[in-house]
């Protein structure tokens, strides 16, 4: 039962509009603060969100759950970049490429 609730919650989060951006009150870490302050990173964030939404749209439910879980793991790795803009740019470019393949 708990697993179903978690999966349902993740799928609802996956439906967030592609243009969703960080608002200052929503920033939860150094990586998000760095993204918020950088026009380049914000542009990459929008690009990644669009690629992610397209990928989700093209998948069956089981595959969507896998992609949502994969995205949460990617977000955890992204957080490890902290304030390193170079690290964040690299993470975004790699992830966008994976989602577009």
N, C-alpha and C. Protein backbone atom coordinates (compact mmCIF):
# COMPACT_ATOMS: atom_id res chain seq x y z
N UNK A 1 0.82 -1.19 0.00
CA UNK A 1 0.00 0.00 0.00
C UNK A 1 0.87 1.26 0.00
N UNK A 2 1.88 1.27 0.87
CA UNK A 2 2.77 2.43 0.95
C UNK A 2 3.50 2.64 -0.37
N UNK A 3 3.93 1.55 -1.00
CA UNK A 3 4.63 1.65 -2.29
C UNK A 3 3.73 2.26 -3.35
N UNK A 4 2.46 1.88 -3.36
CA UNK A 4 1.52 2.44 -4.33
C UNK A 4 1.35 3.94 -4.12
N UNK A 5 1.28 4.35 -2.86
CA UNK A 5 1.13 5.77 -2.55
C UNK A 5 2.35 6.55 -3.01
N UNK A 6 3.53 6.01 -2.79
CA UNK A 6 4.77 6.67 -3.22
C UNK A 6 4.80 6.78 -4.74
N UNK A 7 4.46 5.70 -5.43
CA UNK A 7 4.47 5.71 -6.90
C UNK A 7 3.45 6.71 -7.43
N UNK A 8 2.25 6.73 -6.84
CA UNK A 8 1.23 7.69 -7.28
C UNK A 8 1.71 9.12 -7.06
N UNK A 9 2.38 9.37 -5.94
CA UNK A 9 2.90 10.71 -5.67
C UNK A 9 3.97 11.10 -6.68
N UNK A 10 4.85 10.17 -7.02
CA UNK A 10 5.90 10.45 -7.99
C UNK A 10 5.31 10.74 -9.36
N UNK A 11 4.27 10.00 -9.74
CA UNK A 11 3.66 10.24 -11.04
C UNK A 11 2.96 11.59 -11.08
N UNK A 12 2.38 12.01 -9.96
CA UNK A 12 1.76 13.33 -9.91
C UNK A 12 2.83 14.41 -10.05
N UNK A 13 3.96 14.22 -9.40
CA UNK A 13 5.05 15.19 -9.51
C UNK A 13 5.58 15.25 -10.94
N UNK A 14 5.52 14.13 -11.63
CA UNK A 14 6.01 14.08 -13.00
C UNK A 14 5.17 14.95 -13.92
N UNK A 15 3.98 15.27 -13.52
CA UNK A 15 3.08 16.08 -14.35
C UNK A 15 3.30 17.58 -14.19
N UNK A 16 4.31 17.98 -13.44
CA UNK A 16 4.60 19.41 -13.25
C UNK A 16 4.92 20.01 -14.61
N UNK A 17 4.37 21.17 -14.93
CA UNK A 17 4.63 21.78 -16.24
C UNK A 17 6.11 21.95 -16.53
N UNK A 18 6.47 21.81 -17.80
CA UNK A 18 7.87 21.89 -18.20
C UNK A 18 8.50 23.23 -17.86
N UNK A 19 7.73 24.30 -17.84
CA UNK A 19 8.28 25.61 -17.58
C UNK A 19 8.37 25.94 -16.09
N UNK A 20 8.04 24.98 -15.23
CA UNK A 20 8.10 25.25 -13.79
C UNK A 20 9.51 25.69 -13.44
N UNK A 21 9.63 26.75 -12.69
CA UNK A 21 10.93 27.28 -12.28
C UNK A 21 10.98 27.36 -10.77
N UNK A 22 12.19 27.46 -10.27
CA UNK A 22 12.36 27.64 -8.84
C UNK A 22 11.85 29.00 -8.42
N UNK A 23 11.12 29.06 -7.36
CA UNK A 23 10.79 30.33 -6.72
C UNK A 23 11.70 30.40 -5.50
N UNK A 24 12.13 31.60 -5.10
CA UNK A 24 13.07 31.71 -3.97
C UNK A 24 12.62 30.92 -2.74
N UNK A 25 11.34 30.88 -2.46
CA UNK A 25 10.87 30.16 -1.27
C UNK A 25 10.98 28.64 -1.42
N UNK A 26 11.13 28.14 -2.66
CA UNK A 26 11.19 26.71 -2.93
C UNK A 26 12.61 26.15 -2.97
N UNK A 27 13.61 27.01 -2.90
CA UNK A 27 15.00 26.56 -3.01
C UNK A 27 15.37 25.73 -1.79
N UNK A 28 15.87 24.50 -2.07
CA UNK A 28 16.17 23.57 -0.98
C UNK A 28 17.64 23.23 -0.84
N UNK A 29 18.48 23.75 -1.69
CA UNK A 29 19.88 23.39 -1.58
C UNK A 29 20.76 24.35 -2.36
N UNK A 30 22.07 24.17 -2.20
CA UNK A 30 23.03 25.04 -2.88
C UNK A 30 22.92 24.90 -4.39
N UNK A 31 22.65 23.68 -4.88
CA UNK A 31 22.51 23.49 -6.32
C UNK A 31 21.34 24.30 -6.86
N UNK A 32 20.19 24.26 -6.18
CA UNK A 32 19.02 25.01 -6.63
C UNK A 32 19.24 26.51 -6.54
N UNK A 33 19.95 26.97 -5.53
CA UNK A 33 20.26 28.40 -5.42
C UNK A 33 21.16 28.83 -6.58
N UNK A 34 22.11 28.00 -6.94
CA UNK A 34 23.01 28.30 -8.05
C UNK A 34 22.24 28.34 -9.36
N UNK A 35 21.34 27.39 -9.56
CA UNK A 35 20.51 27.37 -10.77
C UNK A 35 19.65 28.62 -10.83
N UNK A 36 19.06 28.99 -9.72
CA UNK A 36 18.18 30.15 -9.66
C UNK A 36 18.92 31.43 -10.06
N UNK A 37 20.20 31.53 -9.67
CA UNK A 37 20.97 32.75 -9.93
C UNK A 37 21.60 32.80 -11.33
N UNK A 38 21.58 31.69 -12.05
CA UNK A 38 22.28 31.63 -13.33
C UNK A 38 21.30 31.52 -14.51
N UNK A 39 21.29 32.51 -15.40
CA UNK A 39 20.42 32.41 -16.58
C UNK A 39 20.73 31.18 -17.43
N UNK A 40 22.01 30.84 -17.55
CA UNK A 40 22.39 29.66 -18.34
C UNK A 40 21.81 28.39 -17.73
N UNK A 41 21.94 28.25 -16.41
CA UNK A 41 21.42 27.05 -15.75
C UNK A 41 19.89 27.02 -15.76
N UNK A 42 19.26 28.18 -15.64
CA UNK A 42 17.79 28.21 -15.73
C UNK A 42 17.34 27.76 -17.12
N UNK A 43 18.06 28.20 -18.14
CA UNK A 43 17.73 27.78 -19.52
C UNK A 43 17.89 26.26 -19.66
N UNK A 44 18.98 25.73 -19.12
CA UNK A 44 19.19 24.28 -19.17
C UNK A 44 18.12 23.54 -18.37
N UNK A 45 17.68 24.12 -17.26
CA UNK A 45 16.63 23.50 -16.45
C UNK A 45 15.33 23.40 -17.24
N UNK A 46 14.99 24.46 -17.96
CA UNK A 46 13.77 24.44 -18.79
C UNK A 46 13.93 23.41 -19.90
N UNK A 47 15.10 23.38 -20.53
CA UNK A 47 15.35 22.41 -21.60
C UNK A 47 15.24 20.98 -21.08
N UNK A 48 15.81 20.73 -19.91
CA UNK A 48 15.74 19.40 -19.31
C UNK A 48 14.29 19.03 -18.99
N UNK A 49 13.54 19.97 -18.42
CA UNK A 49 12.16 19.69 -18.07
C UNK A 49 11.33 19.37 -19.31
N UNK A 50 11.58 20.07 -20.39
CA UNK A 50 10.85 19.77 -21.64
C UNK A 50 11.20 18.37 -22.15
N UNK A 51 12.48 18.03 -22.14
CA UNK A 51 12.91 16.70 -22.59
C UNK A 51 12.32 15.62 -21.69
N UNK A 52 12.28 15.87 -20.40
CA UNK A 52 11.73 14.92 -19.43
C UNK A 52 10.23 14.72 -19.67
N UNK A 53 9.49 15.80 -19.88
CA UNK A 53 8.06 15.70 -20.13
C UNK A 53 7.78 14.94 -21.43
N UNK A 54 8.57 15.20 -22.47
CA UNK A 54 8.40 14.46 -23.73
C UNK A 54 8.67 12.98 -23.52
N UNK A 55 9.73 12.67 -22.79
CA UNK A 55 10.06 11.27 -22.53
C UNK A 55 8.94 10.58 -21.76
N UNK A 56 8.41 11.23 -20.75
CA UNK A 56 7.32 10.66 -19.96
C UNK A 56 6.09 10.40 -20.82
N UNK A 57 5.78 11.34 -21.68
CA UNK A 57 4.58 11.24 -22.52
C UNK A 57 4.64 10.02 -23.43
N UNK A 58 5.84 9.63 -23.84
CA UNK A 58 5.99 8.53 -24.80
C UNK A 58 6.10 7.16 -24.16
N UNK A 59 6.02 7.07 -22.83
CA UNK A 59 6.23 5.80 -22.13
C UNK A 59 4.94 5.19 -21.61
N UNK A 60 4.96 3.87 -21.45
CA UNK A 60 3.86 3.17 -20.78
C UNK A 60 4.01 3.36 -19.28
N UNK A 61 2.95 3.12 -18.50
CA UNK A 61 2.99 3.38 -17.04
C UNK A 61 4.18 2.76 -16.31
N UNK A 62 4.50 1.52 -16.57
CA UNK A 62 5.64 0.89 -15.89
C UNK A 62 6.95 1.56 -16.21
N UNK A 63 7.11 1.94 -17.47
CA UNK A 63 8.32 2.63 -17.89
C UNK A 63 8.37 4.04 -17.29
N UNK A 64 7.22 4.67 -17.14
CA UNK A 64 7.17 6.00 -16.51
C UNK A 64 7.67 5.93 -15.08
N UNK A 65 7.23 4.92 -14.34
CA UNK A 65 7.68 4.79 -12.95
C UNK A 65 9.19 4.66 -12.89
N UNK A 66 9.75 3.90 -13.82
CA UNK A 66 11.20 3.72 -13.86
C UNK A 66 11.89 5.05 -14.15
N UNK A 67 11.35 5.81 -15.11
CA UNK A 67 11.96 7.09 -15.45
C UNK A 67 11.84 8.10 -14.30
N UNK A 68 10.70 8.11 -13.62
CA UNK A 68 10.53 9.01 -12.47
C UNK A 68 11.56 8.68 -11.39
N UNK A 69 11.72 7.40 -11.10
CA UNK A 69 12.71 6.98 -10.09
C UNK A 69 14.12 7.36 -10.53
N UNK A 70 14.40 7.18 -11.81
CA UNK A 70 15.71 7.55 -12.35
C UNK A 70 15.95 9.06 -12.22
N UNK A 71 14.90 9.84 -12.45
CA UNK A 71 15.04 11.29 -12.35
C UNK A 71 15.32 11.72 -10.91
N UNK A 72 14.68 11.06 -9.95
CA UNK A 72 14.95 11.38 -8.54
C UNK A 72 16.38 11.04 -8.17
N UNK A 73 16.92 9.95 -8.72
CA UNK A 73 18.34 9.63 -8.47
C UNK A 73 19.23 10.69 -9.10
N UNK A 74 18.86 11.15 -10.30
CA UNK A 74 19.64 12.20 -10.96
C UNK A 74 19.62 13.49 -10.13
N UNK A 75 18.46 13.85 -9.59
CA UNK A 75 18.35 15.04 -8.76
C UNK A 75 19.26 14.94 -7.53
N UNK A 76 19.35 13.76 -6.95
CA UNK A 76 20.23 13.57 -5.79
C UNK A 76 21.69 13.75 -6.20
N UNK A 77 22.07 13.24 -7.38
CA UNK A 77 23.44 13.43 -7.86
C UNK A 77 23.69 14.90 -8.19
N UNK A 78 22.68 15.56 -8.77
CA UNK A 78 22.82 16.98 -9.08
C UNK A 78 23.09 17.79 -7.81
N UNK A 79 22.43 17.44 -6.74
CA UNK A 79 22.63 18.15 -5.47
C UNK A 79 24.08 18.09 -5.02
N UNK A 80 24.77 17.01 -5.37
CA UNK A 80 26.17 16.89 -4.95
C UNK A 80 27.07 17.91 -5.64
N UNK A 81 26.59 18.56 -6.70
CA UNK A 81 27.37 19.61 -7.37
C UNK A 81 27.47 20.86 -6.50
N UNK A 82 26.50 21.05 -5.61
CA UNK A 82 26.52 22.25 -4.76
C UNK A 82 26.52 23.51 -5.58
N UNK A 83 27.50 24.38 -5.34
CA UNK A 83 27.55 25.67 -6.03
C UNK A 83 28.43 25.64 -7.28
N UNK A 84 28.91 24.47 -7.67
CA UNK A 84 29.78 24.36 -8.84
C UNK A 84 28.98 24.46 -10.14
N UNK A 85 29.06 25.62 -10.77
CA UNK A 85 28.31 25.84 -12.01
C UNK A 85 28.78 24.87 -13.11
N UNK A 86 30.07 24.64 -13.20
CA UNK A 86 30.60 23.71 -14.20
C UNK A 86 30.05 22.31 -14.03
N UNK A 87 30.00 21.86 -12.80
CA UNK A 87 29.43 20.54 -12.50
C UNK A 87 27.97 20.48 -12.91
N UNK A 88 27.22 21.53 -12.57
CA UNK A 88 25.79 21.57 -12.88
C UNK A 88 25.56 21.59 -14.39
N UNK A 89 26.32 22.40 -15.13
CA UNK A 89 26.18 22.45 -16.58
C UNK A 89 26.43 21.07 -17.17
N UNK A 90 27.49 20.42 -16.72
CA UNK A 90 27.83 19.09 -17.20
C UNK A 90 26.71 18.08 -16.90
N UNK A 91 26.20 18.13 -15.69
CA UNK A 91 25.10 17.23 -15.30
C UNK A 91 23.88 17.44 -16.20
N UNK A 92 23.52 18.70 -16.41
CA UNK A 92 22.34 19.01 -17.23
C UNK A 92 22.55 18.55 -18.67
N UNK A 93 23.69 18.87 -19.25
CA UNK A 93 23.93 18.52 -20.65
C UNK A 93 23.89 17.00 -20.85
N UNK A 94 24.48 16.27 -19.92
CA UNK A 94 24.47 14.81 -20.01
C UNK A 94 23.04 14.26 -19.89
N UNK A 95 22.29 14.77 -18.92
CA UNK A 95 20.93 14.27 -18.69
C UNK A 95 20.01 14.61 -19.85
N UNK A 96 20.13 15.81 -20.39
CA UNK A 96 19.32 16.19 -21.56
C UNK A 96 19.61 15.22 -22.71
N UNK A 97 20.87 14.92 -22.94
CA UNK A 97 21.24 13.97 -23.99
C UNK A 97 20.63 12.60 -23.76
N UNK A 98 20.65 12.13 -22.51
CA UNK A 98 20.05 10.82 -22.20
C UNK A 98 18.56 10.82 -22.47
N UNK A 99 17.89 11.87 -22.10
CA UNK A 99 16.44 11.93 -22.28
C UNK A 99 16.04 12.08 -23.74
N UNK A 100 16.89 12.67 -24.54
CA UNK A 100 16.56 12.87 -25.95
C UNK A 100 16.89 11.65 -26.81
N UNK A 101 17.65 10.71 -26.29
CA UNK A 101 18.00 9.50 -27.05
C UNK A 101 16.82 8.56 -27.16
